[in-house]
Amino acid sequence: MHAGFNQTIRACCGVGGNYNYDANIWCGSTGTINGKTVVAKACTDPDSYIIWDGVHWTDHANRLITKAILGGKYLEPAFSIASQCDLQPF
């Protein structure tokens, strides 16, 4: 488990295959796979997934990335962007 993620390559909302993703059946829609009608539904624990729908990251993944960027971890030289702004949580 990495940063609270149990699923690092499977989509939370999708259907089909090892990655729970079919480019023709988007999250929340109905489609056909191997002659069977399927519905791409969301998982019950999205915070344990990195990938939302095979294309977008989950809110949890976006929060971690944003914190890393604002914290300055990936800047050269490293400095906290958050320390330079009056950021307020919403």
PDB file of N, CA and C in Angstrom:
ATOM      1  N   MET A   1       0.853  -1.178   0.000  1.00  0.00           N
ATOM      2  CA  MET A   1       0.000   0.000   0.000  1.00  0.00           C
ATOM      3  C   MET A   1       0.897   1.238   0.000  1.00  0.00           C
ATOM      4  N   HIS A   2       0.616   2.184  -0.888  1.00  0.00           N
ATOM      5  CA  HIS A   2       1.405   3.394  -1.030  1.00  0.00           C
ATOM      6  C   HIS A   2       0.522   4.613  -0.782  1.00  0.00           C
ATOM      7  N   ALA A   3       0.867   5.440   0.184  1.00  0.00           N
ATOM      8  CA  ALA A   3       0.152   6.685   0.495  1.00  0.00           C
ATOM      9  C   ALA A   3      -1.342   6.460   0.683  1.00  0.00           C
ATOM     10  N   GLY A   4      -1.709   5.306   1.220  1.00  0.00           N
ATOM     11  CA  GLY A   4      -3.119   5.003   1.449  1.00  0.00           C
ATOM     12  C   GLY A   4      -3.825   4.388   0.259  1.00  0.00           C
ATOM     13  N   PHE A   5      -3.113   4.168  -0.825  1.00  0.00           N
ATOM     14  CA  PHE A   5      -3.723   3.586  -2.028  1.00  0.00           C
ATOM     15  C   PHE A   5      -3.572   2.071  -2.023  1.00  0.00           C
ATOM     16  N   ASN A   6      -4.684   1.368  -2.188  1.00  0.00           N
ATOM     17  CA  ASN A   6      -4.654  -0.088  -2.338  1.00  0.00           C
ATOM     18  C   ASN A   6      -4.660  -0.476  -3.806  1.00  0.00           C
ATOM     19  N   GLN A   7      -5.219   0.383  -4.647  1.00  0.00           N
ATOM     20  CA  GLN A   7      -5.315   0.127  -6.080  1.00  0.00           C
ATOM     21  C   GLN A   7      -4.507   1.179  -6.823  1.00  0.00           C
ATOM     22  N   THR A   8      -3.413   0.765  -7.429  1.00  0.00           N
ATOM     23  CA  THR A   8      -2.538   1.729  -8.085  1.00  0.00           C
ATOM     24  C   THR A   8      -2.625   1.706  -9.607  1.00  0.00           C
ATOM     25  N   ILE A   9      -3.256   0.676 -10.190  1.00  0.00           N
ATOM     26  CA  ILE A   9      -3.372   0.632 -11.648  1.00  0.00           C
ATOM     27  C   ILE A   9      -4.799   0.416 -12.134  1.00  0.00           C
ATOM     28  N   ARG A  10      -5.720   0.074 -11.242  1.00  0.00           N
ATOM     29  CA  ARG A  10      -7.121  -0.137 -11.624  1.00  0.00           C
ATOM     30  C   ARG A  10      -7.919   1.155 -11.426  1.00  0.00           C
ATOM     31  N   ALA A  11      -8.866   1.395 -12.317  1.00  0.00           N
ATOM     32  CA  ALA A  11      -9.752   2.554 -12.195  1.00  0.00           C
ATOM     33  C   ALA A  11     -10.839   2.265 -11.170  1.00  0.00           C
ATOM     34  N   CYS A  12     -11.214   3.281 -10.427  1.00  0.00           N
ATOM     35  CA  CYS A  12     -12.302   3.152  -9.462  1.00  0.00           C
ATOM     36  C   CYS A  12     -13.641   3.022 -10.176  1.00  0.00           C
ATOM     37  N   CYS A  13     -13.864   3.859 -11.162  1.00  0.00           N
ATOM     38  CA  CYS A  13     -15.142   3.861 -11.872  1.00  0.00           C
ATOM     39  C   CYS A  13     -14.922   3.386 -13.304  1.00  0.00           C
ATOM     40  N   GLY A  14     -15.338   2.174 -13.571  1.00  0.00           N
ATOM     41  CA  GLY A  14     -15.155   1.627 -14.909  1.00  0.00           C
ATOM     42  C   GLY A  14     -15.644   0.205 -14.977  1.00  0.00           C
ATOM     43  N   VAL A  15     -15.252  -0.452 -16.046  1.00  0.00           N
ATOM     44  CA  VAL A  15     -15.643  -1.851 -16.239  1.00  0.00           C
ATOM     45  C   VAL A  15     -14.678  -2.507 -17.220  1.00  0.00           C
ATOM     46  N   GLY A  16     -14.310  -3.748 -16.926  1.00  0.00           N
ATOM     47  CA  GLY A  16     -13.561  -4.541 -17.885  1.00  0.00           C
ATOM     48  C   GLY A  16     -12.078  -4.653 -17.666  1.00  0.00           C
ATOM     49  N   GLY A  17     -11.577  -5.866 -17.777  1.00  0.00           N
ATOM     50  CA  GLY A  17     -10.151  -6.140 -17.813  1.00  0.00           C
ATOM     51  C   GLY A  17      -9.404  -5.887 -16.524  1.00  0.00           C
ATOM     52  N   ASN A  18      -8.095  -6.047 -16.623  1.00  0.00           N
ATOM     53  CA  ASN A  18      -7.225  -5.889 -15.453  1.00  0.00           C
ATOM     54  C   ASN A  18      -7.227  -4.479 -14.888  1.00  0.00           C
ATOM     55  N   TYR A  19      -7.540  -3.502 -15.733  1.00  0.00           N
ATOM     56  CA  TYR A  19      -7.470  -2.100 -15.302  1.00  0.00           C
ATOM     57  C   TYR A  19      -8.839  -1.507 -14.992  1.00  0.00           C
ATOM     58  N   ASN A  20      -9.899  -2.313 -15.081  1.00  0.00           N
ATOM     59  CA  ASN A  20     -11.272  -1.845 -14.866  1.00  0.00           C
ATOM     60  C   ASN A  20     -11.559  -0.638 -15.764  1.00  0.00           C
ATOM     61  N   TYR A  21     -11.140  -0.757 -17.014  1.00  0.00           N
ATOM     62  CA  TYR A  21     -11.260   0.364 -17.949  1.00  0.00           C
ATOM     63  C   TYR A  21     -11.566  -0.141 -19.351  1.00  0.00           C
ATOM     64  N   ASP A  22     -12.545   0.470 -19.969  1.00  0.00           N
ATOM     65  CA  ASP A  22     -12.856   0.242 -21.379  1.00  0.00           C
ATOM     66  C   ASP A  22     -13.118   1.614 -21.986  1.00  0.00           C
ATOM     67  N   ALA A  23     -12.329   2.007 -22.957  1.00  0.00           N
ATOM     68  CA  ALA A  23     -12.422   3.343 -23.548  1.00  0.00           C
ATOM     69  C   ALA A  23     -13.784   3.619 -24.162  1.00  0.00           C
ATOM     70  N   ASN A  24     -14.570   2.600 -24.428  1.00  0.00           N
ATOM     71  CA  ASN A  24     -15.893   2.774 -25.041  1.00  0.00           C
ATOM     72  C   ASN A  24     -17.022   2.831 -24.031  1.00  0.00           C
ATOM     73  N   ILE A  25     -16.727   2.543 -22.774  1.00  0.00           N
ATOM     74  CA  ILE A  25     -17.766   2.547 -21.742  1.00  0.00           C
ATOM     75  C   ILE A  25     -17.287   3.436 -20.594  1.00  0.00           C
ATOM     76  N   TRP A  26     -17.688   4.687 -20.628  1.00  0.00           N
ATOM     77  CA  TRP A  26     -17.248   5.666 -19.638  1.00  0.00           C
ATOM     78  C   TRP A  26     -17.957   5.471 -18.307  1.00  0.00           C
ATOM     79  N   CYS A  27     -17.399   6.006 -17.274  1.00  0.00           N
ATOM     80  CA  CYS A  27     -17.955   5.947 -15.925  1.00  0.00           C
ATOM     81  C   CYS A  27     -19.419   6.366 -15.916  1.00  0.00           C
ATOM     82  N   GLY A  28     -20.264   5.512 -15.367  1.00  0.00           N
ATOM     83  CA  GLY A  28     -21.690   5.809 -15.262  1.00  0.00           C
ATOM     84  C   GLY A  28     -22.503   5.427 -16.483  1.00  0.00           C
ATOM     85  N   SER A  29     -21.857   4.932 -17.521  1.00  0.00           N
ATOM     86  CA  SER A  29     -22.597   4.592 -18.730  1.00  0.00           C
ATOM     87  C   SER A  29     -22.744   3.076 -18.878  1.00  0.00           C
ATOM     88  N   THR A  30     -23.599   2.688 -19.800  1.00  0.00           N
ATOM     89  CA  THR A  30     -23.877   1.289 -20.091  1.00  0.00           C
ATOM     90  C   THR A  30     -23.282   0.937 -21.448  1.00  0.00           C
ATOM     91  N   GLY A  31     -22.766  -0.269 -21.573  1.00  0.00           N
ATOM     92  CA  GLY A  31     -22.195  -0.719 -22.832  1.00  0.00           C
ATOM     93  C   GLY A  31     -22.246  -2.228 -22.928  1.00  0.00           C
ATOM     94  N   THR A  32     -21.610  -2.749 -23.959  1.00  0.00           N
ATOM     95  CA  THR A  32     -21.598  -4.186 -24.182  1.00  0.00           C
ATOM     96  C   THR A  32     -20.169  -4.693 -24.271  1.00  0.00           C
ATOM     97  N   ILE A  33     -19.864  -5.735 -23.509  1.00  0.00           N
ATOM     98  CA  ILE A  33     -18.576  -6.412 -23.555  1.00  0.00           C
ATOM     99  C   ILE A  33     -18.848  -7.901 -23.749  1.00  0.00           C
ATOM    100  N   ASN A  34     -18.305  -8.466 -24.807  1.00  0.00           N
ATOM    101  CA  ASN A  34     -18.483  -9.883 -25.116  1.00  0.00           C
ATOM    102  C   ASN A  34     -19.958 -10.295 -25.130  1.00  0.00           C
ATOM    103  N   GLY A  35     -20.792  -9.426 -25.698  1.00  0.00           N
ATOM    104  CA  GLY A  35     -22.210  -9.728 -25.828  1.00  0.00           C
ATOM    105  C   GLY A  35     -23.036  -9.519 -24.571  1.00  0.00           C
ATOM    106  N   LYS A  36     -22.425  -9.055 -23.483  1.00  0.00           N
ATOM    107  CA  LYS A  36     -23.142  -8.819 -22.227  1.00  0.00           C
ATOM    108  C   LYS A  36     -23.240  -7.331 -21.957  1.00  0.00           C
ATOM    109  N   THR A  37     -24.417  -6.903 -21.502  1.00  0.00           N
ATOM    110  CA  THR A  37     -24.623  -5.510 -21.124  1.00  0.00           C
ATOM    111  C   THR A  37     -23.994  -5.278 -19.752  1.00  0.00           C
ATOM    112  N   VAL A  38     -23.167  -4.237 -19.664  1.00  0.00           N
ATOM    113  CA  VAL A  38     -22.475  -3.904 -18.421  1.00  0.00           C
ATOM    114  C   VAL A  38     -22.648  -2.420 -18.118  1.00  0.00           C
ATOM    115  N   VAL A  39     -22.526  -2.085 -16.840  1.00  0.00           N
ATOM    116  CA  VAL A  39     -22.598  -0.690 -16.407  1.00  0.00           C
ATOM    117  C   VAL A  39     -21.300  -0.349 -15.695  1.00  0.00           C
ATOM    118  N   ALA A  40     -20.676   0.740 -16.089  1.00  0.00           N
ATOM    119  CA  ALA A  40     -19.443   1.199 -15.439  1.00  0.00           C
ATOM    120  C   ALA A  40     -19.828   1.963 -14.178  1.00  0.00           C
ATOM    121  N   LYS A  41     -19.638   1.323 -13.035  1.00  0.00           N
ATOM    122  CA  LYS A  41     -20.026   1.897 -11.744  1.00  0.00           C
ATOM    123  C   LYS A  41     -18.797   2.299 -10.941  1.00  0.00           C
ATOM    124  N   ALA A  42     -19.008   3.232 -10.028  1.00  0.00           N
ATOM    125  CA  ALA A  42     -17.929   3.685  -9.152  1.00  0.00           C
ATOM    126  C   ALA A  42     -17.707   2.675  -8.033  1.00  0.00           C
ATOM    127  N   CYS A  43     -16.471   2.597  -7.576  1.00  0.00           N
ATOM    128  CA  CYS A  43     -16.128   1.739  -6.451  1.00  0.00           C
ATOM    129  C   CYS A  43     -16.674   2.350  -5.155  1.00  0.00           C
ATOM    130  N   THR A  44     -16.660   1.583  -4.093  1.00  0.00           N
ATOM    131  CA  THR A  44     -17.177   2.076  -2.812  1.00  0.00           C
ATOM    132  C   THR A  44     -16.120   2.810  -1.986  1.00  0.00           C
ATOM    133  N   ASP A  45     -14.841   2.697  -2.379  1.00  0.00           N
ATOM    134  CA  ASP A  45     -13.758   3.304  -1.607  1.00  0.00           C
ATOM    135  C   ASP A  45     -12.791   4.087  -2.499  1.00  0.00           C
ATOM    136  N   PRO A  46     -13.247   5.172  -3.120  1.00  0.00           N
ATOM    137  CA  PRO A  46     -12.408   5.901  -4.083  1.00  0.00           C
ATOM    138  C   PRO A  46     -11.093   6.434  -3.518  1.00  0.00           C
ATOM    139  N   ASP A  47     -11.010   6.686  -2.224  1.00  0.00           N
ATOM    140  CA  ASP A  47      -9.752   7.198  -1.662  1.00  0.00           C
ATOM    141  C   ASP A  47      -8.636   6.162  -1.678  1.00  0.00           C
ATOM    142  N   SER A  48      -8.959   4.897  -1.942  1.00  0.00           N
ATOM    143  CA  SER A  48      -7.908   3.882  -2.014  1.00  0.00           C
ATOM    144  C   SER A  48      -7.426   3.668  -3.453  1.00  0.00           C
ATOM    145  N   TYR A  49      -7.955   4.459  -4.394  1.00  0.00           N
ATOM    146  CA  TYR A  49      -7.574   4.377  -5.803  1.00  0.00           C
ATOM    147  C   TYR A  49      -6.827   5.639  -6.224  1.00  0.00           C
ATOM    148  N   ILE A  50      -5.878   5.488  -7.138  1.00  0.00           N
ATOM    149  CA  ILE A  50      -5.192   6.635  -7.735  1.00  0.00           C
ATOM    150  C   ILE A  50      -5.986   7.126  -8.942  1.00  0.00           C
ATOM    151  N   ILE A  51      -6.531   6.192  -9.706  1.00  0.00           N
ATOM    152  CA  ILE A  51      -7.192   6.507 -10.970  1.00  0.00           C
ATOM    153  C   ILE A  51      -8.708   6.455 -10.804  1.00  0.00           C
ATOM    154  N   TRP A  52      -9.394   7.526 -11.217  1.00  0.00           N
ATOM    155  CA  TRP A  52     -10.842   7.579 -11.099  1.00  0.00           C
ATOM    156  C   TRP A  52     -11.535   6.777 -12.193  1.00  0.00           C
ATOM    157  N   ASP A  53     -11.296   7.126 -13.448  1.00  0.00           N
ATOM    158  CA  ASP A  53     -12.074   6.534 -14.538  1.00  0.00           C
ATOM    159  C   ASP A  53     -11.213   6.040 -15.703  1.00  0.00           C
ATOM    160  N   GLY A  54      -9.950   5.827 -15.449  1.00  0.00           N
ATOM    161  CA  GLY A  54      -9.041   5.398 -16.504  1.00  0.00           C
ATOM    162  C   GLY A  54      -8.344   6.549 -17.185  1.00  0.00           C
ATOM    163  N   VAL A  55      -8.828   7.764 -16.946  1.00  0.00           N
ATOM    164  CA  VAL A  55      -8.262   8.957 -17.581  1.00  0.00           C
ATOM    165  C   VAL A  55      -7.889  10.009 -16.534  1.00  0.00           C
ATOM    166  N   HIS A  56      -8.696  10.141 -15.500  1.00  0.00           N
ATOM    167  CA  HIS A  56      -8.502  11.178 -14.483  1.00  0.00           C
ATOM    168  C   HIS A  56      -8.063  10.563 -13.157  1.00  0.00           C
ATOM    169  N   TRP A  57      -7.330  11.361 -12.379  1.00  0.00           N
ATOM    170  CA  TRP A  57      -6.948  10.931 -11.041  1.00  0.00           C
ATOM    171  C   TRP A  57      -8.116  11.134 -10.081  1.00  0.00           C
ATOM    172  N   THR A  58      -8.096  10.419  -8.965  1.00  0.00           N
ATOM    173  CA  THR A  58      -9.114  10.588  -7.932  1.00  0.00           C
ATOM    174  C   THR A  58      -8.851  11.880  -7.160  1.00  0.00           C
ATOM    175  N   ASP A  59      -9.839  12.333  -6.413  1.00  0.00           N
ATOM    176  CA  ASP A  59      -9.663  13.526  -5.574  1.00  0.00           C
ATOM    177  C   ASP A  59      -8.516  13.330  -4.590  1.00  0.00           C
ATOM    178  N   HIS A  60      -8.428  12.144  -4.002  1.00  0.00           N
ATOM    179  CA  HIS A  60      -7.355  11.859  -3.037  1.00  0.00           C
ATOM    180  C   HIS A  60      -5.980  11.993  -3.693  1.00  0.00           C
ATOM    181  N   ALA A  61      -5.819  11.444  -4.887  1.00  0.00           N
ATOM    182  CA  ALA A  61      -4.539  11.559  -5.602  1.00  0.00           C
ATOM    183  C   ALA A  61      -4.235  13.021  -5.923  1.00  0.00           C
ATOM    184  N   ASN A  62      -5.238  13.762  -6.381  1.00  0.00           N
ATOM    185  CA  ASN A  62      -5.047  15.185  -6.682  1.00  0.00           C
ATOM    186  C   ASN A  62      -4.644  15.976  -5.441  1.00  0.00           C
ATOM    187  N   ARG A  63      -5.244  15.673  -4.286  1.00  0.00           N
ATOM    188  CA  ARG A  63      -4.884  16.367  -3.046  1.00  0.00           C
ATOM    189  C   ARG A  63      -3.412  16.134  -2.697  1.00  0.00           C
ATOM    190  N   LEU A  64      -2.955  14.872  -2.790  1.00  0.00           N
ATOM    191  CA  LEU A  64      -1.562  14.565  -2.455  1.00  0.00           C
ATOM    192  C   LEU A  64      -0.590  15.265  -3.395  1.00  0.00           C
ATOM    193  N   ILE A  65      -0.907  15.288  -4.672  1.00  0.00           N
ATOM    194  CA  ILE A  65      -0.046  15.953  -5.653  1.00  0.00           C
ATOM    195  C   ILE A  65      -0.006  17.457  -5.400  1.00  0.00           C
ATOM    196  N   THR A  66      -1.160  18.048  -5.132  1.00  0.00           N
ATOM    197  CA  THR A  66      -1.227  19.484  -4.860  1.00  0.00           C
ATOM    198  C   THR A  66      -0.423  19.843  -3.615  1.00  0.00           C
ATOM    199  N   LYS A  67      -0.556  19.043  -2.549  1.00  0.00           N
ATOM    200  CA  LYS A  67       0.215  19.300  -1.330  1.00  0.00           C
ATOM    201  C   LYS A  67       1.716  19.230  -1.601  1.00  0.00           C
ATOM    202  N   ALA A  68       2.134  18.271  -2.413  1.00  0.00           N
ATOM    203  CA  ALA A  68       3.561  18.141  -2.732  1.00  0.00           C
ATOM    204  C   ALA A  68       4.052  19.350  -3.514  1.00  0.00           C
ATOM    205  N   ILE A  69       3.262  19.825  -4.463  1.00  0.00           N
ATOM    206  CA  ILE A  69       3.665  20.984  -5.270  1.00  0.00           C
ATOM    207  C   ILE A  69       3.688  22.244  -4.413  1.00  0.00           C
ATOM    208  N   LEU A  70       2.612  22.480  -3.661  1.00  0.00           N
ATOM    209  CA  LEU A  70       2.554  23.682  -2.823  1.00  0.00           C
ATOM    210  C   LEU A  70       3.597  23.654  -1.712  1.00  0.00           C
ATOM    211  N   GLY A  71       3.956  22.470  -1.259  1.00  0.00           N
ATOM    212  CA  GLY A  71       4.971  22.339  -0.215  1.00  0.00           C
ATOM    213  C   GLY A  71       6.385  22.567  -0.724  1.00  0.00           C
ATOM    214  N   GLY A  72       6.553  22.631  -2.035  1.00  0.00           N
ATOM    215  CA  GLY A  72       7.853  22.932  -2.621  1.00  0.00           C
ATOM    216  C   GLY A  72       8.753  21.739  -2.841  1.00  0.00           C
ATOM    217  N   LYS A  73       8.251  20.552  -2.587  1.00  0.00           N
ATOM    218  CA  LYS A  73       9.083  19.356  -2.695  1.00  0.00           C
ATOM    219  C   LYS A  73       9.666  19.163  -4.099  1.00  0.00           C
ATOM    220  N   TYR A  74       8.948  19.607  -5.117  1.00  0.00           N
ATOM    221  CA  TYR A  74       9.395  19.378  -6.489  1.00  0.00           C
ATOM    222  C   TYR A  74       9.877  20.656  -7.181  1.00  0.00           C
ATOM    223  N   LEU A  75      10.236  21.645  -6.415  1.00  0.00           N
ATOM    224  CA  LEU A  75      10.774  22.884  -6.966  1.00  0.00           C
ATOM    225  C   LEU A  75      12.284  22.921  -6.751  1.00  0.00           C
ATOM    226  N   GLU A  76      12.966  23.641  -7.620  1.00  0.00           N
ATOM    227  CA  GLU A  76      14.411  23.770  -7.495  1.00  0.00           C
ATOM    228  C   GLU A  76      14.779  25.242  -7.566  1.00  0.00           C
ATOM    229  N   PRO A  77      15.285  25.876  -6.549  1.00  0.00           N
ATOM    230  CA  PRO A  77      15.512  25.289  -5.242  1.00  0.00           C
ATOM    231  C   PRO A  77      14.189  25.077  -4.508  1.00  0.00           C
ATOM    232  N   ALA A  78      14.171  24.147  -3.599  1.00  0.00           N
ATOM    233  CA  ALA A  78      12.947  23.810  -2.860  1.00  0.00           C
ATOM    234  C   ALA A  78      12.512  24.991  -1.983  1.00  0.00           C
ATOM    235  N   PHE A  79      11.258  25.357  -2.089  1.00  0.00           N
ATOM    236  CA  PHE A  79      10.655  26.341  -1.187  1.00  0.00           C
ATOM    237  C   PHE A  79       9.154  26.123  -1.199  1.00  0.00           C
ATOM    238  N   SER A  80       8.510  26.536  -0.156  1.00  0.00           N
ATOM    239  CA  SER A  80       7.082  26.317  -0.004  1.00  0.00           C
ATOM    240  C   SER A  80       6.293  27.431  -0.688  1.00  0.00           C
ATOM    241  N   ILE A  81       5.583  27.084  -1.730  1.00  0.00           N
ATOM    242  CA  ILE A  81       4.692  28.048  -2.373  1.00  0.00           C
ATOM    243  C   ILE A  81       3.623  28.495  -1.388  1.00  0.00           C
ATOM    244  N   ALA A  82       3.138  27.551  -0.594  1.00  0.00           N
ATOM    245  CA  ALA A  82       2.087  27.849   0.388  1.00  0.00           C
ATOM    246  C   ALA A  82       2.545  28.941   1.358  1.00  0.00           C
ATOM    247  N   SER A  83       3.838  28.991   1.682  1.00  0.00           N
ATOM    248  CA  SER A  83       4.333  30.006   2.618  1.00  0.00           C
ATOM    249  C   SER A  83       4.323  31.400   1.990  1.00  0.00           C
ATOM    250  N   GLN A  84       4.220  31.484   0.689  1.00  0.00           N
ATOM    251  CA  GLN A  84       4.214  32.765  -0.020  1.00  0.00           C
ATOM    252  C   GLN A  84       2.798  33.266  -0.329  1.00  0.00           C
ATOM    253  N   CYS A  85       1.788  32.488   0.045  1.00  0.00           N
ATOM    254  CA  CYS A  85       0.399  32.812  -0.284  1.00  0.00           C
ATOM    255  C   CYS A  85      -0.465  32.738   0.974  1.00  0.00           C
ATOM    256  N   ASP A  86      -1.558  33.425   0.930  1.00  0.00           N
ATOM    257  CA  ASP A  86      -2.537  33.344   2.018  1.00  0.00           C
ATOM    258  C   ASP A  86      -3.593  32.320   1.602  1.00  0.00           C
ATOM    259  N   LEU A  87      -3.234  31.047   1.680  1.00  0.00           N
ATOM    260  CA  LEU A  87      -4.135  29.972   1.262  1.00  0.00           C
ATOM    261  C   LEU A  87      -5.116  29.645   2.370  1.00  0.00           C
ATOM    262  N   GLN A  88      -6.355  29.545   2.008  1.00  0.00           N
ATOM    263  CA  GLN A  88      -7.417  29.208   2.956  1.00  0.00           C
ATOM    264  C   GLN A  88      -8.130  27.939   2.486  1.00  0.00           C
ATOM    265  N   PRO A  89      -8.367  26.988   3.398  1.00  0.00           N
ATOM    266  CA  PRO A  89      -9.104  25.787   2.986  1.00  0.00           C
ATOM    267  C   PRO A  89     -10.542  26.119   2.663  1.00  0.00           C
ATOM    268  N   PHE A  90     -11.130  25.345   1.765  1.00  0.00           N
ATOM    269  CA  PHE A  90     -12.549  25.570   1.492  1.00  0.00           C
ATOM    270  C   PHE A  90     -13.357  24.421   1.975  1.00  0.00           C
TER     271      PHE A  90
END
